[in-house]
Amino acid sequence: MKGTHLAIQLADNAIQFVVIQNDFVSHTSQIKFEDSIGSNQKEPIENHIKNTSQLNHEFDEVTLSWSFKRSTLVPNSIFADSNAKDIYELCYGKDSLEHDIDYNRISELSVINIYEIPVWIKRFFVIKYPRIVIQHEGSHVIRMSLNTEAFKLKSTAILYKGYFLFSIVKHNNLEFYSFFDYQNHEDIIYHMLFTFHQKEMTNENGTMEFILGPGINSDVLTNLKTDLERISDLKKLKIVTPKHYIAKSQLLCV
C-alpha cells in the first residue's frame, strides 16, 4: 500500500509498534508489561509513544490487533439469528466474561469472529487515533493465511505467553482454528501433531508458519525447528518464520 501505516500488536504481556511506509517496514519497537494487561498500562504505552520519534507522526492508516485466547468463529447465518454476547456465553460460560464482547466480520469465509476485549483498550486508542481499526488478531491471521498460497496445506502458529493460536488452511478453505495453552515447545508440538492426525493431514506437502507474538523469546523457535525435523509424519511440511507477519496482515483490513 502507498503511504504510512502504523500497525499495533497488543497482547496480555507486551505491545509492539510497526511502521510500514510504502510496503517497507521502517520502524519496530515494543514494551513488555510487568503485570497482566489492564488500564494501568496506559501510562507506559503513552510514554513509549511520546518518547519514540517514529511514532510521533500523522499516519495514513492505523490498525491494532488484540490477542485474546477466547475467540470463536460462527457462520453469518447463526450470528444473524442470535447475538455476540449469547453466542460467546454459550461457548465459554457466563462466569468467564471479563471484558466487553466484540466481533469482526470475515467476509472471505462468511463468518464472524466473536471475542472479548477490555473497554479501556478501545477508549484509549480511539482517543489517540480516531480513525483506528481495532480487530482480534485471529481475524488478521485468517485473512493473511487465505491471501497467499492457500491451496496446499498451510498451518500457522502465533506464539504468545502461555498460549498459541493454531490455524490450518487447505484448498483455499479454513480447516482449523483454535487456541492451546503451553508451558514449553514440546506442548506446542504435541497439540499440532494431535491436530494433524485428527484432521488426517500428516505426510502432506505444505508449510508450517511460526510467528512470535510480542515479548516472546526467539529460543522457542530454535527448539521447535530442531524437534519438528525429527517427526517423520511432518517432514513434507516446510518450516517458515515470516517477519512482521501480524503487522503486514493488518494491511488487509484497511
Protein backbone atom coordinates (compact mmCIF):
# COMPACT_ATOMS: atom_id res chain seq x y z
CA MET A 1 0.00 0.00 0.00
CA LYS A 2 1.06 3.60 -0.54
CA GLY A 3 1.58 5.98 2.38
CA THR A 4 2.35 5.24 6.02
CA HIS A 5 0.68 2.63 8.18
CA LEU A 6 1.06 2.16 11.93
CA ALA A 7 0.34 -1.45 12.90
CA ILE A 8 -0.01 -2.13 16.63
CA GLN A 9 0.06 -5.64 18.08
CA LEU A 10 -1.27 -5.87 21.64
CA ALA A 11 -1.16 -8.94 23.88
CA ASP A 12 -1.53 -9.57 27.59
CA ASN A 13 2.22 -9.28 28.24
CA ALA A 14 3.51 -6.78 25.66
CA ILE A 15 2.76 -4.33 22.88
CA GLN A 16 4.58 -3.89 19.59
CA PHE A 17 4.54 -0.96 17.15
CA VAL A 18 5.44 -1.41 13.48
CA VAL A 19 5.59 1.46 10.99
CA ILE A 20 5.14 0.44 7.36
CA GLN A 21 5.95 3.03 4.72
CA ASN A 22 5.14 2.18 1.10
CA ASP A 23 5.22 -1.57 1.94
CA PHE A 24 8.61 -1.24 3.68
CA VAL A 25 8.96 -1.72 7.45
CA SER A 26 10.78 1.40 8.66
CA HIS A 27 10.42 1.01 12.44
CA THR A 28 9.67 -1.59 15.09
CA SER A 29 9.59 -1.17 18.86
CA GLN A 30 7.92 -2.88 21.78
CA ILE A 31 7.49 -2.75 25.51
CA LYS A 32 6.82 -5.60 27.93
CA PHE A 33 4.37 -5.32 30.81
CA GLU A 34 5.33 -6.39 34.31
CA ASP A 35 1.73 -7.23 35.17
CA SER A 36 -1.17 -8.65 33.19
CA ILE A 37 -2.64 -6.05 30.92
CA GLY A 38 -5.00 -3.54 32.48
CA SER A 39 -5.82 0.15 32.43
CA ASN A 40 -2.62 0.76 34.42
CA GLN A 41 -0.73 0.01 31.20
CA LYS A 42 -1.98 3.21 29.58
CA GLU A 43 0.80 5.32 31.09
CA PRO A 44 3.76 3.21 29.86
CA ILE A 45 2.15 2.96 26.41
CA GLU A 46 1.60 6.71 26.29
CA ASN A 47 5.19 7.38 27.42
CA HIS A 48 6.58 5.00 24.82
CA ILE A 49 4.68 6.72 22.03
CA LYS A 50 5.77 10.18 23.21
CA ASN A 51 9.42 9.17 23.56
CA THR A 52 9.67 7.36 20.21
CA SER A 53 10.10 9.88 17.41
CA GLN A 54 9.00 7.44 14.69
CA LEU A 55 5.59 7.21 16.36
CA ASN A 56 5.03 10.96 16.57
CA HIS A 57 3.71 11.42 13.06
CA GLU A 58 0.42 11.52 11.24
CA PHE A 59 -0.27 8.12 9.69
CA ASP A 60 -2.47 7.39 6.70
CA GLU A 61 -3.77 4.26 8.41
CA VAL A 62 -3.62 2.96 11.99
CA THR A 63 -4.66 -0.56 12.95
CA LEU A 64 -4.47 -2.62 16.13
CA SER A 65 -4.66 -6.37 16.62
CA TRP A 66 -5.73 -7.60 20.05
CA SER A 67 -4.71 -11.09 21.11
CA PHE A 68 -7.03 -12.99 23.44
CA LYS A 69 -7.38 -16.77 23.54
CA ARG A 70 -11.15 -16.84 23.96
CA SER A 71 -12.25 -16.31 20.38
CA THR A 72 -14.86 -18.26 18.44
CA LEU A 73 -15.92 -18.34 14.78
CA VAL A 74 -19.56 -18.71 13.77
CA PRO A 75 -21.28 -18.62 10.36
CA ASN A 76 -23.09 -15.44 9.37
CA SER A 77 -26.42 -17.28 9.40
CA ILE A 78 -26.08 -18.31 13.05
CA PHE A 79 -24.95 -14.85 14.08
CA ALA A 80 -27.94 -13.28 12.31
CA ASP A 81 -30.33 -15.35 14.44
CA SER A 82 -28.62 -14.57 17.74
CA ASN A 83 -26.18 -12.01 19.16
CA ALA A 84 -22.49 -11.86 20.05
CA LYS A 85 -22.94 -11.99 23.84
CA ASP A 86 -25.25 -15.02 23.84
CA ILE A 87 -23.02 -16.96 21.45
CA TYR A 88 -19.92 -16.14 23.48
CA GLU A 89 -21.53 -17.23 26.74
CA LEU A 90 -22.70 -20.46 25.10
CA CYS A 91 -19.09 -21.23 24.15
CA TYR A 92 -17.31 -20.14 27.32
CA GLY A 93 -19.94 -19.83 30.03
CA LYS A 94 -21.42 -16.78 31.72
CA ASP A 95 -18.83 -16.83 34.51
CA SER A 96 -15.95 -16.49 32.03
CA LEU A 97 -16.89 -12.99 30.91
CA GLU A 98 -14.25 -10.45 31.97
CA HIS A 99 -14.47 -7.72 29.34
CA ASP A 100 -16.69 -6.30 26.62
CA ILE A 101 -17.79 -8.57 23.78
CA ASP A 102 -16.88 -7.51 20.26
CA TYR A 103 -16.82 -9.18 16.85
CA ASN A 104 -15.29 -8.93 13.37
CA ARG A 105 -16.85 -9.94 10.09
CA ILE A 106 -14.54 -12.05 7.92
CA SER A 107 -16.13 -11.75 4.50
CA GLU A 108 -13.70 -14.19 2.86
CA LEU A 109 -15.35 -17.04 4.78
CA SER A 110 -18.77 -15.54 5.61
CA VAL A 111 -18.03 -15.99 9.31
CA ILE A 112 -17.97 -13.82 12.44
CA ASN A 113 -15.13 -13.82 14.97
CA ILE A 114 -16.54 -13.17 18.46
CA TYR A 115 -14.16 -12.29 21.30
CA GLU A 116 -13.56 -10.29 24.49
CA ILE A 117 -11.66 -7.01 24.65
CA PRO A 118 -11.09 -4.68 27.63
CA VAL A 119 -13.07 -1.45 27.30
CA TRP A 120 -10.06 0.73 28.12
CA ILE A 121 -8.18 -0.52 25.04
CA LYS A 122 -10.82 0.78 22.68
CA ARG A 123 -11.25 4.04 24.57
CA PHE A 124 -7.52 4.74 24.87
CA PHE A 125 -6.58 4.03 21.27
CA VAL A 126 -9.66 5.62 19.68
CA ILE A 127 -8.90 8.86 21.53
CA LYS A 128 -5.25 8.58 20.46
CA TYR A 129 -6.03 7.61 16.86
CA PRO A 130 -9.67 8.47 16.00
CA ARG A 131 -9.66 6.51 12.70
CA ILE A 132 -8.02 3.38 14.12
CA VAL A 133 -9.32 -0.06 13.13
CA ILE A 134 -9.26 -2.48 16.09
CA GLN A 135 -9.76 -6.20 15.47
CA HIS A 136 -8.95 -9.52 17.05
CA GLU A 137 -5.61 -10.94 15.95
CA GLY A 138 -7.26 -14.16 14.80
CA SER A 139 -9.22 -12.20 12.19
CA HIS A 140 -6.00 -10.85 10.73
CA VAL A 141 -4.36 -14.29 10.75
CA ILE A 142 -7.26 -15.86 8.86
CA ARG A 143 -7.21 -13.18 6.15
CA MET A 144 -3.43 -13.43 5.81
CA SER A 145 -3.49 -17.23 5.62
CA LEU A 146 -6.07 -17.18 2.84
CA ASN A 147 -4.44 -14.31 0.97
CA THR A 148 -1.44 -16.22 -0.44
CA GLU A 149 -0.56 -19.84 -1.19
CA ALA A 150 -3.66 -21.26 0.44
CA PHE A 151 -4.20 -24.28 -1.83
CA LYS A 152 -1.62 -26.62 -0.34
CA LEU A 153 -1.77 -27.36 3.37
CA LYS A 154 -0.54 -24.41 5.43
CA SER A 155 -0.56 -24.26 9.20
CA THR A 156 0.08 -21.08 11.16
CA ALA A 157 1.06 -20.88 14.82
CA ILE A 158 1.20 -17.50 16.56
CA LEU A 159 3.02 -17.87 19.88
CA TYR A 160 2.07 -15.79 22.90
CA LYS A 161 2.90 -16.02 26.59
CA GLY A 162 1.40 -19.32 27.76
CA TYR A 163 -0.82 -20.00 24.73
CA PHE A 164 -0.77 -20.07 20.94
CA LEU A 165 -3.21 -19.64 18.08
CA PHE A 166 -3.15 -22.53 15.62
CA SER A 167 -4.89 -22.46 12.25
CA ILE A 168 -4.81 -24.64 9.15
CA VAL A 169 -5.86 -23.73 5.61
CA LYS A 170 -6.06 -26.04 2.62
CA HIS A 171 -7.66 -25.78 -0.82
CA ASN A 172 -8.40 -22.12 -0.02
CA ASN A 173 -10.56 -23.08 2.97
CA LEU A 174 -10.06 -22.67 6.70
CA GLU A 175 -9.83 -26.22 8.08
CA PHE A 176 -8.96 -25.50 11.71
CA TYR A 177 -8.84 -22.57 14.15
CA SER A 178 -8.22 -22.83 17.88
CA PHE A 179 -6.08 -21.78 20.83
CA PHE A 180 -3.96 -24.05 23.03
CA ASP A 181 -2.15 -23.48 26.31
CA TYR A 182 1.51 -24.47 26.56
CA GLN A 183 4.40 -24.43 29.01
CA ASN A 184 7.23 -25.37 26.64
CA HIS A 185 7.86 -26.05 22.95
CA GLU A 186 7.08 -29.76 23.41
CA ASP A 187 3.49 -28.87 24.34
CA ILE A 188 3.19 -26.89 21.10
CA ILE A 189 4.40 -29.86 19.05
CA TYR A 190 2.02 -32.21 20.86
CA HIS A 191 -1.05 -30.08 20.12
CA MET A 192 -0.03 -29.55 16.49
CA LEU A 193 0.72 -33.21 15.83
CA PHE A 194 -2.52 -34.31 17.52
CA THR A 195 -4.48 -31.88 15.33
CA PHE A 196 -2.80 -33.04 12.12
CA HIS A 197 -3.62 -36.65 13.00
CA GLN A 198 -7.22 -35.81 13.87
CA LYS A 199 -7.62 -33.96 10.57
CA GLU A 200 -5.81 -36.77 8.66
CA MET A 201 -3.28 -34.26 7.34
CA THR A 202 0.02 -35.97 8.07
CA ASN A 203 2.55 -36.73 5.31
CA GLU A 204 1.27 -33.89 3.13
CA ASN A 205 3.23 -31.24 1.25
CA GLY A 206 2.90 -27.71 2.51
CA THR A 207 4.24 -25.29 5.08
CA MET A 208 4.24 -24.68 8.84
CA GLU A 209 4.43 -21.00 9.74
CA PHE A 210 5.65 -19.94 13.17
CA ILE A 211 5.29 -16.33 14.31
CA LEU A 212 6.38 -14.84 17.62
CA GLY A 213 3.90 -12.64 19.44
CA PRO A 214 5.22 -9.51 21.18
CA GLY A 215 7.54 -10.19 24.10
CA ILE A 216 8.20 -13.86 23.20
CA ASN A 217 11.80 -15.14 23.21
CA SER A 218 13.07 -16.49 19.89
CA ASP A 219 14.63 -19.53 21.60
CA VAL A 220 11.31 -21.32 21.34
CA LEU A 221 11.57 -21.23 17.52
CA THR A 222 15.01 -22.86 17.60
CA ASN A 223 13.72 -25.68 19.80
CA LEU A 224 10.62 -26.14 17.63
CA LYS A 225 12.64 -26.43 14.43
CA THR A 226 15.06 -28.94 15.96
CA ASP A 227 12.38 -31.28 17.26
CA LEU A 228 9.92 -30.96 14.36
CA GLU A 229 12.61 -32.06 11.89
CA ARG A 230 12.71 -35.40 13.72
CA ILE A 231 8.99 -36.14 13.22
CA SER A 232 8.56 -38.27 10.10
CA ASP A 233 4.83 -37.52 9.75
CA LEU A 234 5.58 -33.81 9.23
CA LYS A 235 8.74 -33.97 7.11
CA LYS A 236 6.91 -32.86 3.96
CA LEU A 237 5.91 -29.60 5.65
CA LYS A 238 8.45 -26.81 5.24
CA ILE A 239 9.03 -24.68 8.35
CA VAL A 240 8.94 -20.92 7.71
CA THR A 241 9.22 -17.98 10.11
CA PRO A 242 7.93 -14.88 8.26
CA LYS A 243 8.92 -11.48 9.62
CA HIS A 244 6.39 -8.82 10.59
CA TYR A 245 3.59 -11.27 9.82
CA ILE A 246 0.90 -9.70 12.02
CA ALA A 247 1.79 -6.15 11.06
CA LYS A 248 1.58 -6.99 7.36
CA SER A 249 -1.64 -8.93 7.89
CA GLN A 250 -3.23 -5.74 9.21
CA LEU A 251 -2.77 -4.15 5.79
CA LEU A 252 -5.56 -6.40 4.54
CA CYS A 253 -8.21 -4.85 6.79
CA VAL A 254 -7.97 -1.25 5.52
